[in-house]
PDB file of N, CA and C in Angstrom:
ATOM      1  N   MET A   1       4.144 204.649  33.997  1.00  0.00           N
ATOM      2  CA  MET A   1       5.164 204.114  32.868  1.00  0.00           C
ATOM      3  C   MET A   1       6.441 205.024  33.070  1.00  0.00           C
ATOM      4  N   LYS A   2       7.434 204.684  33.283  1.00  0.00           N
ATOM      5  CA  LYS A   2       8.832 205.809  33.694  1.00  0.00           C
ATOM      6  C   LYS A   2       9.294 206.058  32.139  1.00  0.00           C
ATOM      7  N   ALA A   3       9.951 207.376  32.618  1.00  0.00           N
ATOM      8  CA  ALA A   3      10.738 207.789  31.272  1.00  0.00           C
ATOM      9  C   ALA A   3      12.090 208.000  31.990  1.00  0.00           C
ATOM     10  N   THR A   4      13.006 207.975  31.309  1.00  0.00           N
ATOM     11  CA  THR A   4      14.340 208.452  31.695  1.00  0.00           C
ATOM     12  C   THR A   4      14.689 209.576  30.663  1.00  0.00           C
ATOM     13  N   ALA A   5      15.579 210.500  31.421  1.00  0.00           N
ATOM     14  CA  ALA A   5      16.000 211.902  30.829  1.00  0.00           C
ATOM     15  C   ALA A   5      17.549 211.761  30.916  1.00  0.00           C
ATOM     16  N   THR A   6      18.245 212.456  29.917  1.00  0.00           N
ATOM     17  CA  THR A   6      19.456 212.681  30.503  1.00  0.00           C
ATOM     18  C   THR A   6      19.885 213.943  30.254  1.00  0.00           C
ATOM     19  N   PHE A   7      20.614 214.264  31.412  1.00  0.00           N
ATOM     20  CA  PHE A   7      21.113 215.694  31.523  1.00  0.00           C
ATOM     21  C   PHE A   7      22.563 215.542  31.425  1.00  0.00           C
ATOM     22  N   THR A   8      23.034 216.437  30.114  1.00  0.00           N
ATOM     23  CA  THR A   8      24.531 216.884  30.646  1.00  0.00           C
ATOM     24  C   THR A   8      24.883 218.118  31.230  1.00  0.00           C
ATOM     25  N   VAL A   9      26.009 217.946  32.013  1.00  0.00           N
ATOM     26  CA  VAL A   9      26.701 219.242  32.507  1.00  0.00           C
ATOM     27  C   VAL A   9      27.685 219.146  32.530  1.00  0.00           C
ATOM     28  N   SER A  10      28.552 220.415  32.330  1.00  0.00           N
ATOM     29  CA  SER A  10      29.855 220.762  31.944  1.00  0.00           C
ATOM     30  C   SER A  10      30.510 221.317  33.406  1.00  0.00           C
ATOM     31  N   PHE A  11      31.378 220.697  33.724  1.00  0.00           N
ATOM     32  CA  PHE A  11      32.159 221.427  34.687  1.00  0.00           C
ATOM     33  C   PHE A  11      33.626 221.607  34.184  1.00  0.00           C
ATOM     34  N   PRO A  12      34.158 222.688  34.865  1.00  0.00           N
ATOM     35  CA  PRO A  12      35.756 222.761  34.534  1.00  0.00           C
ATOM     36  C   PRO A  12      36.290 221.432  35.584  1.00  0.00           C
ATOM     37  N   ILE A  13      37.540 221.322  34.591  1.00  0.00           N
ATOM     38  CA  ILE A  13      38.270 220.111  35.632  1.00  0.00           C
ATOM     39  C   ILE A  13      40.040 220.433  35.586  1.00  0.00           C
ATOM     40  N   LYS A  14      40.693 219.966  36.432  1.00  0.00           N
ATOM     41  CA  LYS A  14      42.130 220.294  36.600  1.00  0.00           C
ATOM     42  C   LYS A  14      42.711 218.840  36.743  1.00  0.00           C
ATOM     43  N   VAL A  15      44.055 218.615  35.571  1.00  0.00           N
ATOM     44  CA  VAL A  15      44.518 217.338  35.798  1.00  0.00           C
ATOM     45  C   VAL A  15      45.981 217.969  36.242  1.00  0.00           C
ATOM     46  N   LYS A  16      46.886 217.223  36.993  1.00  0.00           N
ATOM     47  CA  LYS A  16      48.397 217.280  37.533  1.00  0.00           C
ATOM     48  C   LYS A  16      48.653 215.906  37.882  1.00  0.00           C
ATOM     49  N   LYS A  17      49.997 215.755  37.312  1.00  0.00           N
ATOM     50  CA  LYS A  17      50.591 214.691  37.700  1.00  0.00           C
ATOM     51  C   LYS A  17      51.481 215.016  38.820  1.00  0.00           C
ATOM     52  N   GLU A  18      51.233 213.903  39.520  1.00  0.00           N
ATOM     53  CA  GLU A  18      52.029 213.940  41.004  1.00  0.00           C
ATOM     54  C   GLU A  18      52.708 212.554  40.919  1.00  0.00           C
ATOM     55  N   ALA A  19      54.033 212.407  40.961  1.00  0.00           N
ATOM     56  CA  ALA A  19      54.735 211.267  41.130  1.00  0.00           C
ATOM     57  C   ALA A  19      54.779 210.392  39.868  1.00  0.00           C
ATOM     58  N   ARG A  20      53.724 208.986  40.474  1.00  0.00           N
ATOM     59  CA  ARG A  20      53.393 208.157  39.414  1.00  0.00           C
ATOM     60  C   ARG A  20      51.793 208.135  38.947  1.00  0.00           C
ATOM     61  N   TYR A  21      50.925 209.013  39.331  1.00  0.00           N
ATOM     62  CA  TYR A  21      49.656 209.366  39.349  1.00  0.00           C
ATOM     63  C   TYR A  21      49.186 210.610  38.848  1.00  0.00           C
ATOM     64  N   TYR A  22      48.453 210.749  38.015  1.00  0.00           N
ATOM     65  CA  TYR A  22      47.882 211.820  37.767  1.00  0.00           C
ATOM     66  C   TYR A  22      46.396 211.972  38.690  1.00  0.00           C
ATOM     67  N   ILE A  23      46.350 213.218  38.938  1.00  0.00           N
ATOM     68  CA  ILE A  23      45.328 213.858  39.895  1.00  0.00           C
ATOM     69  C   ILE A  23      44.183 214.728  39.299  1.00  0.00           C
ATOM     70  N   ALA A  24      43.083 214.500  39.100  1.00  0.00           N
ATOM     71  CA  ALA A  24      41.858 214.984  38.497  1.00  0.00           C
ATOM     72  C   ALA A  24      40.882 215.615  39.524  1.00  0.00           C
ATOM     73  N   SER A  25      40.664 216.703  39.389  1.00  0.00           N
ATOM     74  CA  SER A  25      39.816 217.582  40.281  1.00  0.00           C
ATOM     75  C   SER A  25      38.907 218.410  39.665  1.00  0.00           C
ATOM     76  N   CYS A  26      37.509 218.395  40.361  1.00  0.00           N
ATOM     77  CA  CYS A  26      36.614 219.234  39.780  1.00  0.00           C
ATOM     78  C   CYS A  26      36.632 220.315  40.855  1.00  0.00           C
ATOM     79  N   PRO A  27      37.384 221.323  40.839  1.00  0.00           N
ATOM     80  CA  PRO A  27      37.702 222.137  42.153  1.00  0.00           C
ATOM     81  C   PRO A  27      36.172 223.057  42.166  1.00  0.00           C
ATOM     82  N   ALA A  28      35.228 223.002  41.137  1.00  0.00           N
ATOM     83  CA  ALA A  28      33.927 223.741  41.367  1.00  0.00           C
ATOM     84  C   ALA A  28      33.097 222.789  42.616  1.00  0.00           C
ATOM     85  N   LEU A  29      33.301 221.507  42.585  1.00  0.00           N
ATOM     86  CA  LEU A  29      32.403 220.820  43.503  1.00  0.00           C
ATOM     87  C   LEU A  29      33.254 220.122  44.600  1.00  0.00           C
ATOM     88  N   ASP A  30      34.804 220.383  44.502  1.00  0.00           N
ATOM     89  CA  ASP A  30      35.813 219.994  45.388  1.00  0.00           C
ATOM     90  C   ASP A  30      35.651 218.501  45.507  1.00  0.00           C
ATOM     91  N   VAL A  31      35.527 217.709  44.413  1.00  0.00           N
ATOM     92  CA  VAL A  31      35.410 216.347  44.138  1.00  0.00           C
ATOM     93  C   VAL A  31      36.868 215.861  43.340  1.00  0.00           C
ATOM     94  N   TRP A  32      37.517 214.725  43.610  1.00  0.00           N
ATOM     95  CA  TRP A  32      38.916 214.474  43.339  1.00  0.00           C
ATOM     96  C   TRP A  32      38.911 212.952  42.820  1.00  0.00           C
ATOM     97  N   ALA A  33      39.862 212.725  41.997  1.00  0.00           N
ATOM     98  CA  ALA A  33      39.838 211.303  41.583  1.00  0.00           C
ATOM     99  C   ALA A  33      41.495 210.966  41.047  1.00  0.00           C
ATOM    100  N   HIS A  34      41.934 210.221  40.863  1.00  0.00           N
ATOM    101  CA  HIS A  34      43.389 209.780  40.498  1.00  0.00           C
ATOM    102  C   HIS A  34      43.341 208.522  39.599  1.00  0.00           C
ATOM    103  N   GLY A  35      44.178 208.453  38.890  1.00  0.00           N
ATOM    104  CA  GLY A  35      44.620 207.342  37.585  1.00  0.00           C
ATOM    105  C   GLY A  35      46.089 207.333  37.346  1.00  0.00           C
ATOM    106  N   LYS A  36      46.569 206.310  36.684  1.00  0.00           N
ATOM    107  CA  LYS A  36      47.941 206.021  35.982  1.00  0.00           C
ATOM    108  C   LYS A  36      48.292 206.704  35.249  1.00  0.00           C
ATOM    109  N   THR A  37      47.233 206.844  34.295  1.00  0.00           N
ATOM    110  CA  THR A  37      47.276 207.871  33.204  1.00  0.00           C
ATOM    111  C   THR A  37      46.148 208.743  33.087  1.00  0.00           C
ATOM    112  N   TYR A  38      46.546 209.922  32.554  1.00  0.00           N
ATOM    113  CA  TYR A  38      45.488 211.123  32.109  1.00  0.00           C
ATOM    114  C   TYR A  38      44.208 210.525  32.334  1.00  0.00           C
ATOM    115  N   SER A  39      44.197 209.743  31.109  1.00  0.00           N
ATOM    116  CA  SER A  39      42.906 208.807  30.473  1.00  0.00           C
ATOM    117  C   SER A  39      41.885 208.655  31.935  1.00  0.00           C
ATOM    118  N   PHE A  40      42.892 207.763  32.673  1.00  0.00           N
ATOM    119  CA  PHE A  40      42.366 206.938  33.421  1.00  0.00           C
ATOM    120  C   PHE A  40      41.543 207.698  34.748  1.00  0.00           C
ATOM    121  N   ALA A  41      42.783 208.864  34.961  1.00  0.00           N
ATOM    122  CA  ALA A  41      42.203 209.925  36.083  1.00  0.00           C
ATOM    123  C   ALA A  41      40.742 210.665  35.458  1.00  0.00           C
ATOM    124  N   VAL A  42      40.749 211.140  34.200  1.00  0.00           N
ATOM    125  CA  VAL A  42      39.806 211.847  34.039  1.00  0.00           C
ATOM    126  C   VAL A  42      38.437 211.055  34.099  1.00  0.00           C
ATOM    127  N   GLU A  43      38.644 209.711  33.401  1.00  0.00           N
ATOM    128  CA  GLU A  43      37.504 208.881  33.511  1.00  0.00           C
ATOM    129  C   GLU A  43      37.027 208.435  34.814  1.00  0.00           C
ATOM    130  N   ASN A  44      37.915 208.127  35.850  1.00  0.00           N
ATOM    131  CA  ASN A  44      37.436 208.223  37.311  1.00  0.00           C
ATOM    132  C   ASN A  44      36.813 209.312  37.838  1.00  0.00           C
ATOM    133  N   LEU A  45      37.219 210.545  37.627  1.00  0.00           N
ATOM    134  CA  LEU A  45      36.566 211.715  37.856  1.00  0.00           C
ATOM    135  C   LEU A  45      35.015 211.904  37.167  1.00  0.00           C
ATOM    136  N   LYS A  46      34.987 211.314  36.140  1.00  0.00           N
ATOM    137  CA  LYS A  46      33.589 211.348  35.734  1.00  0.00           C
ATOM    138  C   LYS A  46      32.748 210.652  36.288  1.00  0.00           C
ATOM    139  N   ASP A  47      33.154 209.516  36.675  1.00  0.00           N
ATOM    140  CA  ASP A  47      32.133 208.327  37.270  1.00  0.00           C
ATOM    141  C   ASP A  47      32.124 208.969  38.938  1.00  0.00           C
ATOM    142  N   ILE A  48      33.162 209.332  39.342  1.00  0.00           N
ATOM    143  CA  ILE A  48      32.915 209.917  40.889  1.00  0.00           C
ATOM    144  C   ILE A  48      31.871 211.315  40.704  1.00  0.00           C
ATOM    145  N   LEU A  49      31.828 212.181  39.741  1.00  0.00           N
ATOM    146  CA  LEU A  49      31.110 212.944  39.640  1.00  0.00           C
ATOM    147  C   LEU A  49      29.542 212.995  39.407  1.00  0.00           C
ATOM    148  N   GLN A  50      29.658 211.732  38.250  1.00  0.00           N
ATOM    149  CA  GLN A  50      28.088 211.120  37.980  1.00  0.00           C
ATOM    150  C   GLN A  50      27.434 210.622  39.433  1.00  0.00           C
ATOM    151  N   LEU A  51      28.126 209.790  40.154  1.00  0.00           N
ATOM    152  CA  LEU A  51      27.787 209.126  41.382  1.00  0.00           C
ATOM    153  C   LEU A  51      27.438 210.063  42.651  1.00  0.00           C
ATOM    154  N   PHE A  52      28.154 211.242  42.565  1.00  0.00           N
ATOM    155  CA  PHE A  52      28.088 212.234  43.710  1.00  0.00           C
ATOM    156  C   PHE A  52      26.743 213.236  43.315  1.00  0.00           C
ATOM    157  N   LEU A  53      26.404 213.581  42.123  1.00  0.00           N
ATOM    158  CA  LEU A  53      25.394 214.062  41.547  1.00  0.00           C
ATOM    159  C   LEU A  53      23.871 213.403  41.745  1.00  0.00           C
ATOM    160  N   THR A  54      24.118 212.382  41.294  1.00  0.00           N
ATOM    161  CA  THR A  54      23.303 211.391  41.232  1.00  0.00           C
ATOM    162  C   THR A  54      22.642 210.958  42.657  1.00  0.00           C
ATOM    163  N   TYR A  55      23.608 210.759  43.578  1.00  0.00           N
ATOM    164  CA  TYR A  55      23.251 210.798  45.067  1.00  0.00           C
ATOM    165  C   TYR A  55      22.847 211.957  45.617  1.00  0.00           C
ATOM    166  N   CYS A  56      23.094 213.009  45.433  1.00  0.00           N
ATOM    167  CA  CYS A  56      22.591 214.245  45.814  1.00  0.00           C
ATOM    168  C   CYS A  56      21.002 214.672  45.167  1.00  0.00           C
ATOM    169  N   PHE A  57      21.013 213.926  44.092  1.00  0.00           N
ATOM    170  CA  PHE A  57      19.737 214.288  43.377  1.00  0.00           C
ATOM    171  C   PHE A  57      18.497 213.433  44.104  1.00  0.00           C
ATOM    172  N   ASP A  58      18.603 212.389  44.133  1.00  0.00           N
ATOM    173  CA  ASP A  58      18.188 211.150  44.703  1.00  0.00           C
ATOM    174  C   ASP A  58      17.929 211.546  46.278  1.00  0.00           C
ATOM    175  N   HIS A  59      18.630 211.872  47.001  1.00  0.00           N
ATOM    176  CA  HIS A  59      18.471 212.515  48.334  1.00  0.00           C
ATOM    177  C   HIS A  59      17.866 213.498  48.706  1.00  0.00           C
ATOM    178  N   GLY A  60      17.517 214.485  47.575  1.00  0.00           N
ATOM    179  CA  GLY A  60      16.988 215.912  47.337  1.00  0.00           C
ATOM    180  C   GLY A  60      17.787 216.958  47.860  1.00  0.00           C
ATOM    181  N   THR A  61      19.182 216.656  47.832  1.00  0.00           N
ATOM    182  CA  THR A  61      20.260 217.661  48.225  1.00  0.00           C
ATOM    183  C   THR A  61      20.925 218.505  47.203  1.00  0.00           C
ATOM    184  N   LEU A  62      20.551 217.950  45.943  1.00  0.00           N
ATOM    185  CA  LEU A  62      21.580 218.451  44.994  1.00  0.00           C
ATOM    186  C   LEU A  62      21.368 220.361  44.913  1.00  0.00           C
ATOM    187  N   GLU A  63      20.425 220.977  45.107  1.00  0.00           N
ATOM    188  CA  GLU A  63      20.206 222.435  45.091  1.00  0.00           C
ATOM    189  C   GLU A  63      20.936 222.928  46.220  1.00  0.00           C
ATOM    190  N   LEU A  64      20.865 222.390  47.474  1.00  0.00           N
ATOM    191  CA  LEU A  64      21.929 222.416  48.735  1.00  0.00           C
ATOM    192  C   LEU A  64      23.228 222.401  48.586  1.00  0.00           C
ATOM    193  N   VAL A  65      23.902 221.646  47.841  1.00  0.00           N
ATOM    194  CA  VAL A  65      25.380 221.471  47.653  1.00  0.00           C
ATOM    195  C   VAL A  65      25.275 222.348  46.381  1.00  0.00           C
ATOM    196  N   LEU A  66      24.718 222.500  45.435  1.00  0.00           N
ATOM    197  CA  LEU A  66      25.476 223.476  44.176  1.00  0.00           C
ATOM    198  C   LEU A  66      25.708 224.806  45.080  1.00  0.00           C
ATOM    199  N   LYS A  67      24.270 225.279  45.778  1.00  0.00           N
ATOM    200  CA  LYS A  67      24.678 226.440  46.386  1.00  0.00           C
ATOM    201  C   LYS A  67      25.313 226.521  47.127  1.00  0.00           C
ATOM    202  N   GLY A  68      25.882 225.434  48.193  1.00  0.00           N
ATOM    203  CA  GLY A  68      27.221 225.404  48.969  1.00  0.00           C
ATOM    204  C   GLY A  68      28.270 225.522  48.362  1.00  0.00           C
ATOM    205  N   CYS A  69      28.408 225.207  47.112  1.00  0.00           N
ATOM    206  CA  CYS A  69      29.631 225.330  46.603  1.00  0.00           C
ATOM    207  C   CYS A  69      29.710 226.582  45.288  1.00  0.00           C
ATOM    208  N   GLY A  70      28.745 227.520  45.600  1.00  0.00           N
ATOM    209  CA  GLY A  70      28.770 228.794  45.257  1.00  0.00           C
ATOM    210  C   GLY A  70      28.155 229.014  43.754  1.00  0.00           C
ATOM    211  N   PHE A  71      27.453 228.208  43.182  1.00  0.00           N
ATOM    212  CA  PHE A  71      26.593 228.220  42.069  1.00  0.00           C
ATOM    213  C   PHE A  71      25.769 229.072  41.929  1.00  0.00           C
ATOM    214  N   PRO A  72      25.389 230.065  40.826  1.00  0.00           N
ATOM    215  CA  PRO A  72      26.064 229.858  39.815  1.00  0.00           C
ATOM    216  C   PRO A  72      27.545 230.326  39.193  1.00  0.00           C
ATOM    217  N   SER A  73      28.171 231.202  40.172  1.00  0.00           N
ATOM    218  CA  SER A  73      29.544 231.787  39.830  1.00  0.00           C
ATOM    219  C   SER A  73      30.427 230.703  40.602  1.00  0.00           C
ATOM    220  N   LEU A  74      31.607 230.983  39.784  1.00  0.00           N
ATOM    221  CA  LEU A  74      33.108 230.340  40.398  1.00  0.00           C
ATOM    222  C   LEU A  74      33.938 231.503  40.717  1.00  0.00           C
ATOM    223  N   LYS A  75      34.621 231.059  41.767  1.00  0.00           N
ATOM    224  CA  LYS A  75      35.718 231.721  42.353  1.00  0.00           C
ATOM    225  C   LYS A  75      36.844 231.709  41.318  1.00  0.00           C
ATOM    226  N   LYS A  76      37.501 232.763  41.058  1.00  0.00           N
ATOM    227  CA  LYS A  76      38.488 232.905  40.089  1.00  0.00           C
ATOM    228  C   LYS A  76      39.658 231.919  40.558  1.00  0.00           C
ATOM    229  N   SER A  77      39.858 232.044  41.922  1.00  0.00           N
ATOM    230  CA  SER A  77      41.140 231.636  42.998  1.00  0.00           C
ATOM    231  C   SER A  77      41.471 230.060  42.651  1.00  0.00           C
ATOM    232  N   LEU A  78      40.086 229.413  42.201  1.00  0.00           N
ATOM    233  CA  LEU A  78      39.850 228.593  42.214  1.00  0.00           C
ATOM    234  C   LEU A  78      40.907 227.705  40.970  1.00  0.00           C
ATOM    235  N   PHE A  79      41.312 228.583  39.807  1.00  0.00           N
ATOM    236  CA  PHE A  79      42.056 228.412  38.585  1.00  0.00           C
ATOM    237  C   PHE A  79      43.181 229.094  38.709  1.00  0.00           C
ATOM    238  N   GLN A  80      43.774 229.410  39.499  1.00  0.00           N
ATOM    239  CA  GLN A  80      45.045 229.846  39.609  1.00  0.00           C
ATOM    240  C   GLN A  80      46.426 229.272  39.502  1.00  0.00           C
ATOM    241  N   ASP A  81      46.350 228.150  39.692  1.00  0.00           N
ATOM    242  CA  ASP A  81      47.438 226.998  39.483  1.00  0.00           C
ATOM    243  C   ASP A  81      47.891 226.979  38.097  1.00  0.00           C
ATOM    244  N   THR A  82      49.076 227.403  38.019  1.00  0.00           N
ATOM    245  CA  THR A  82      49.585 227.563  36.483  1.00  0.00           C
ATOM    246  C   THR A  82      50.080 225.925  36.014  1.00  0.00           C
ATOM    247  N   ALA A  83      50.345 225.354  37.099  1.00  0.00           N
ATOM    248  CA  ALA A  83      51.053 223.947  36.939  1.00  0.00           C
ATOM    249  C   ALA A  83      50.089 222.770  36.480  1.00  0.00           C
ATOM    250  N   CYS A  84      48.710 223.143  36.434  1.00  0.00           N
ATOM    251  CA  CYS A  84      47.745 222.323  36.229  1.00  0.00           C
ATOM    252  C   CYS A  84      47.097 222.894  34.682  1.00  0.00           C
ATOM    253  N   GLN A  85      46.636 221.459  34.078  1.00  0.00           N
ATOM    254  CA  GLN A  85      45.963 221.906  32.836  1.00  0.00           C
ATOM    255  C   GLN A  85      44.527 221.932  33.126  1.00  0.00           C
ATOM    256  N   ILE A  86      43.895 223.113  32.585  1.00  0.00           N
ATOM    257  CA  ILE A  86      42.499 223.029  32.810  1.00  0.00           C
ATOM    258  C   ILE A  86      41.911 222.714  31.532  1.00  0.00           C
ATOM    259  N   ASP A  87      40.934 221.592  31.999  1.00  0.00           N
ATOM    260  CA  ASP A  87      39.975 221.559  30.768  1.00  0.00           C
ATOM    261  C   ASP A  87      38.386 221.779  31.026  1.00  0.00           C
ATOM    262  N   GLU A  88      37.586 221.243  30.147  1.00  0.00           N
ATOM    263  CA  GLU A  88      35.963 220.827  30.702  1.00  0.00           C
ATOM    264  C   GLU A  88      35.652 219.598  30.210  1.00  0.00           C
ATOM    265  N   MET A  89      34.788 219.035  31.396  1.00  0.00           N
ATOM    266  CA  MET A  89      34.388 217.674  31.037  1.00  0.00           C
ATOM    267  C   MET A  89      32.882 217.714  31.052  1.00  0.00           C
ATOM    268  N   GLU A  90      32.054 217.161  30.235  1.00  0.00           N
ATOM    269  CA  GLU A  90      30.886 216.833  30.122  1.00  0.00           C
ATOM    270  C   GLU A  90      30.552 215.637  31.067  1.00  0.00           C
ATOM    271  N   VAL A  91      29.541 215.452  31.929  1.00  0.00           N
ATOM    272  CA  VAL A  91      28.929 214.590  32.884  1.00  0.00           C
ATOM    273  C   VAL A  91      27.623 214.393  32.464  1.00  0.00           C
ATOM    274  N   PRO A  92      27.353 213.193  31.948  1.00  0.00           N
ATOM    275  CA  PRO A  92      25.742 212.995  31.795  1.00  0.00           C
ATOM    276  C   PRO A  92      25.323 212.124  33.285  1.00  0.00           C
ATOM    277  N   LEU A  93      24.284 212.983  33.173  1.00  0.00           N
ATOM    278  CA  LEU A  93      23.269 212.525  34.320  1.00  0.00           C
ATOM    279  C   LEU A  93      21.949 211.649  34.112  1.00  0.00           C
ATOM    280  N   PRO A  94      22.135 210.431  34.312  1.00  0.00           N
ATOM    281  CA  PRO A  94      20.386 209.633  33.868  1.00  0.00           C
ATOM    282  C   PRO A  94      19.358 209.688  35.053  1.00  0.00           C
ATOM    283  N   PHE A  95      18.626 210.290  34.550  1.00  0.00           N
ATOM    284  CA  PHE A  95      17.533 210.322  35.655  1.00  0.00           C
ATOM    285  C   PHE A  95      16.389 209.771  35.331  1.00  0.00           C
ATOM    286  N   VAL A  96      16.005 208.505  36.417  1.00  0.00           N
ATOM    287  CA  VAL A  96      14.723 208.295  35.671  1.00  0.00           C
ATOM    288  C   VAL A  96      13.420 209.031  36.441  1.00  0.00           C
ATOM    289  N   ILE A  97      12.561 209.257  35.689  1.00  0.00           N
ATOM    290  CA  ILE A  97      11.165 210.002  35.988  1.00  0.00           C
ATOM    291  C   ILE A  97      10.242 209.521  36.163  1.00  0.00           C
ATOM    292  N   ASP A  98       9.573 209.087  37.523  1.00  0.00           N
ATOM    293  CA  ASP A  98       8.432 208.310  37.595  1.00  0.00           C
ATOM    294  C   ASP A  98       7.130 209.012  37.863  1.00  0.00           C
ATOM    295  N   ARG A  99       6.944 209.565  36.871  1.00  0.00           N
ATOM    296  CA  ARG A  99       5.478 210.448  36.686  1.00  0.00           C
ATOM    297  C   ARG A  99       4.909 210.064  35.530  1.00  0.00           C
ATOM    298  N   PRO A 100       3.330 209.789  35.625  1.00  0.00           N
ATOM    299  CA  PRO A 100       2.874 209.939  34.354  1.00  0.00           C
ATOM    300  C   PRO A 100       2.901 210.985  33.009  1.00  0.00           C
ATOM    301  N   TYR A 101       2.975 210.855  31.956  1.00  0.00           N
ATOM    302  CA  TYR A 101       3.242 212.064  30.989  1.00  0.00           C
ATOM    303  C   TYR A 101       2.430 211.220  29.704  1.00  0.00           C
ATOM    304  N   ALA A 102       1.892 212.634  29.224  1.00  0.00           N
ATOM    305  CA  ALA A 102       1.049 212.491  27.875  1.00  0.00           C
ATOM    306  C   ALA A 102       1.772 211.624  26.909  1.00  0.00           C
ATOM    307  N   ASN A 103       0.587 211.073  26.305  1.00  0.00           N
ATOM    308  CA  ASN A 103       1.374 210.539  24.847  1.00  0.00           C
ATOM    309  C   ASN A 103       1.185 211.576  23.656  1.00  0.00           C
TER     310      ASN A 103
END
């Protein structure tokens, strides 16, 4: 029997308006997205982060990727751009656990 577990991870994000689009980024993972509105940019970034992290997990590289990104600590220089709004985003990560478990 398979069990499904969902983990929620919080990442700091930055959102900035550039011409006609909003640019959303997760500096901690160097992941970017855009959208015509603030909400679309943030939702696109959330989708991309879910895909990126799930892909890394599925391929056994999540720990290496996070280590390469400097986790557990962040560099303060990532957040010195005062022209950006800095928020935090929760990214749910659905994982299927294919191991027997006791009832």
